[in-house]
Amino acid sequence: MTKRTDTATISRRVAIAGAVATTLGVAEAAAPDPIFPVLEQFRLAQEALSKAVKAADLPPEQWLTAAYGEAQTQLKNTYSWFRRAQFNLLTTMPTTRSGLAALLACLGQEADVERPSLLVDAMCWEDETREAACTVLNRLAALVLKIA
């Protein structure tokens, strides 16, 4: 008959704690984080805006053509889409650690040379986007405490 050592046994507390941690991990993985579709929409809006800016950069001899008017209309519409996507990004809070990390990475990405990050870019507006940018870091700090 072999004698069982204490290290081989698992206490009920350790087993329950492991089960709870596993359950929470599975629940977090199974629950869709609302930030990921918003991040994807923002990425698509950024790409579309970049293309629209390039398409609208026509030489002066084409400024009085229909192509220029169409490019300007497309730029205006794409820019409106970008602004909505930016606002949604600033007002949608992640529910998982991976969502929080993805949002923080996006907020820190470079917007352009004059505005070094998406968050700084959002602070330049004189509307609800600026208000959302001002409060997003406080909301994220509270979220870190809640998720952690």
Protein backbone atom coordinates (compact mmCIF):
# COMPACT_ATOMS: atom_id res chain seq x y z
CA MET A 1 0.00 0.00 0.00
CA THR A 2 1.45 3.37 -0.99
CA LYS A 3 1.22 6.31 1.26
CA ARG A 4 -0.20 9.51 -0.25
CA THR A 5 1.76 12.67 0.44
CA ASP A 6 0.18 16.00 1.39
CA THR A 7 1.51 17.65 -1.75
CA ALA A 8 -0.49 15.29 -3.93
CA THR A 9 -3.79 16.17 -2.35
CA ILE A 10 -5.74 19.22 -3.37
CA SER A 11 -7.67 21.11 -0.77
CA ARG A 12 -11.27 21.99 -1.48
CA ARG A 13 -10.46 25.70 -1.31
CA VAL A 14 -7.76 25.39 -3.98
CA ALA A 15 -10.06 23.31 -6.18
CA ILE A 16 -12.92 25.79 -5.82
CA ALA A 17 -10.63 28.75 -6.48
CA GLY A 18 -9.30 27.05 -9.61
CA ALA A 19 -12.79 26.26 -10.82
CA VAL A 20 -13.93 29.85 -10.25
CA ALA A 21 -10.88 31.23 -12.07
CA THR A 22 -11.45 28.84 -14.97
CA THR A 23 -15.14 29.71 -15.11
CA LEU A 24 -14.37 33.45 -15.13
CA GLY A 25 -11.74 32.95 -17.84
CA VAL A 26 -14.16 30.95 -19.99
CA ALA A 27 -16.94 33.49 -19.36
CA GLU A 28 -14.65 36.32 -20.38
CA ALA A 29 -13.58 34.47 -23.50
CA ALA A 30 -17.17 33.54 -24.38
CA ALA A 31 -18.66 37.00 -23.80
CA PRO A 32 -18.18 39.20 -26.85
CA ASP A 33 -16.50 42.48 -26.00
CA PRO A 34 -18.41 45.39 -27.58
CA ILE A 35 -15.17 47.26 -28.29
CA PHE A 36 -13.90 44.91 -30.99
CA PRO A 37 -16.57 45.70 -33.64
CA VAL A 38 -16.13 49.40 -32.83
CA LEU A 39 -12.35 49.11 -33.27
CA GLU A 40 -12.89 47.38 -36.62
CA GLN A 41 -15.31 50.09 -37.80
CA PHE A 42 -12.80 52.74 -36.77
CA ARG A 43 -10.01 50.97 -38.66
CA LEU A 44 -12.18 50.78 -41.78
CA ALA A 45 -13.12 54.46 -41.44
CA GLN A 46 -9.44 55.41 -41.10
CA GLU A 47 -8.55 53.47 -44.25
CA ALA A 48 -11.44 54.97 -46.19
CA LEU A 49 -10.52 58.48 -45.08
CA SER A 50 -6.91 57.99 -46.12
CA LYS A 51 -8.04 56.84 -49.58
CA ALA A 52 -10.54 59.70 -49.88
CA VAL A 53 -7.87 62.28 -48.98
CA LYS A 54 -5.55 60.88 -51.66
CA ALA A 55 -8.38 60.80 -54.22
CA ALA A 56 -9.33 64.42 -53.45
CA ASP A 57 -5.76 65.62 -53.95
CA LEU A 58 -6.21 66.46 -57.62
CA PRO A 59 -3.99 68.88 -59.53
CA PRO A 60 -5.23 72.50 -59.92
CA GLU A 61 -6.17 71.98 -63.58
CA GLN A 62 -8.85 69.49 -62.48
CA TRP A 63 -10.42 71.69 -59.79
CA LEU A 64 -13.29 72.78 -62.03
CA THR A 65 -14.16 69.27 -63.20
CA ALA A 66 -16.90 66.90 -62.11
CA ALA A 67 -14.23 64.49 -60.80
CA TYR A 68 -13.07 67.12 -58.33
CA GLY A 69 -16.61 67.73 -57.07
CA GLU A 70 -17.18 63.99 -56.68
CA ALA A 71 -13.89 63.57 -54.83
CA GLN A 72 -14.75 66.44 -52.48
CA THR A 73 -18.22 64.97 -51.79
CA GLN A 74 -16.68 61.56 -51.12
CA LEU A 75 -14.12 63.15 -48.81
CA LYS A 76 -16.84 64.99 -46.89
CA ASN A 77 -18.96 61.84 -46.49
CA THR A 78 -15.99 59.69 -45.50
CA TYR A 79 -14.87 62.29 -43.00
CA SER A 80 -18.32 62.27 -41.40
CA TRP A 81 -18.12 58.48 -41.13
CA PHE A 82 -14.66 58.76 -39.57
CA ARG A 83 -15.90 61.27 -36.98
CA ARG A 84 -18.83 58.99 -36.00
CA ALA A 85 -16.46 56.03 -35.73
CA GLN A 86 -14.08 58.11 -33.59
CA PHE A 87 -16.91 59.15 -31.28
CA ASN A 88 -18.14 55.56 -30.97
CA LEU A 89 -14.61 54.47 -30.13
CA LEU A 90 -14.36 57.02 -27.34
CA THR A 91 -17.75 56.18 -25.85
CA THR A 92 -17.76 52.37 -26.05
CA MET A 93 -16.15 50.77 -23.04
CA PRO A 94 -14.51 47.36 -23.25
CA THR A 95 -15.62 44.54 -20.97
CA THR A 96 -12.53 42.31 -21.09
CA ARG A 97 -8.82 42.73 -20.49
CA SER A 98 -8.05 42.07 -24.13
CA GLY A 99 -10.62 44.66 -25.18
CA LEU A 100 -9.11 47.19 -22.78
CA ALA A 101 -5.62 46.52 -24.12
CA ALA A 102 -6.83 46.87 -27.73
CA LEU A 103 -8.58 50.16 -26.96
CA LEU A 104 -5.54 51.59 -25.19
CA ALA A 105 -3.32 50.60 -28.13
CA CYS A 106 -5.72 52.31 -30.53
CA LEU A 107 -5.96 55.47 -28.42
CA GLY A 108 -2.18 55.75 -28.41
CA GLN A 109 -1.67 55.24 -32.12
CA GLU A 110 -0.31 58.07 -34.17
CA ALA A 111 -2.95 60.17 -35.93
CA ASP A 112 -0.58 62.35 -37.96
CA VAL A 113 2.48 64.56 -37.47
CA GLU A 114 0.59 67.50 -35.94
CA ARG A 115 -1.54 65.37 -33.58
CA PRO A 116 0.57 62.58 -32.13
CA SER A 117 -2.28 60.31 -31.00
CA LEU A 118 -5.91 59.56 -31.62
CA LEU A 119 -6.80 60.87 -28.19
CA VAL A 120 -4.99 64.18 -28.81
CA ASP A 121 -6.73 64.42 -32.20
CA ALA A 122 -10.13 63.95 -30.54
CA MET A 123 -9.32 66.69 -28.01
CA CYS A 124 -9.01 69.22 -30.86
CA TRP A 125 -12.71 69.18 -31.67
CA GLU A 126 -15.20 71.62 -30.19
CA ASP A 127 -18.06 69.12 -29.84
CA GLU A 128 -19.13 65.91 -28.12
CA THR A 129 -15.99 64.15 -29.43
CA ARG A 130 -13.83 66.45 -27.33
CA GLU A 131 -16.03 65.85 -24.29
CA ALA A 132 -15.77 62.07 -24.80
CA ALA A 133 -11.99 62.34 -25.17
CA CYS A 134 -11.76 64.30 -21.93
CA THR A 135 -13.66 61.66 -19.98
CA VAL A 136 -12.40 58.47 -21.63
CA LEU A 137 -9.29 58.13 -19.46
CA ASN A 138 -11.31 58.45 -16.24
CA ARG A 139 -13.75 55.82 -17.48
CA LEU A 140 -10.89 53.55 -18.47
CA ALA A 141 -9.25 53.93 -15.07
CA ALA A 142 -12.49 52.91 -13.35
CA LEU A 143 -12.81 50.03 -15.80
CA VAL A 144 -9.29 48.78 -15.04
CA LEU A 145 -10.25 48.52 -11.38
CA LYS A 146 -13.49 46.73 -12.26
CA ILE A 147 -11.97 44.23 -14.72
CA ALA A 148 -8.82 43.54 -12.72
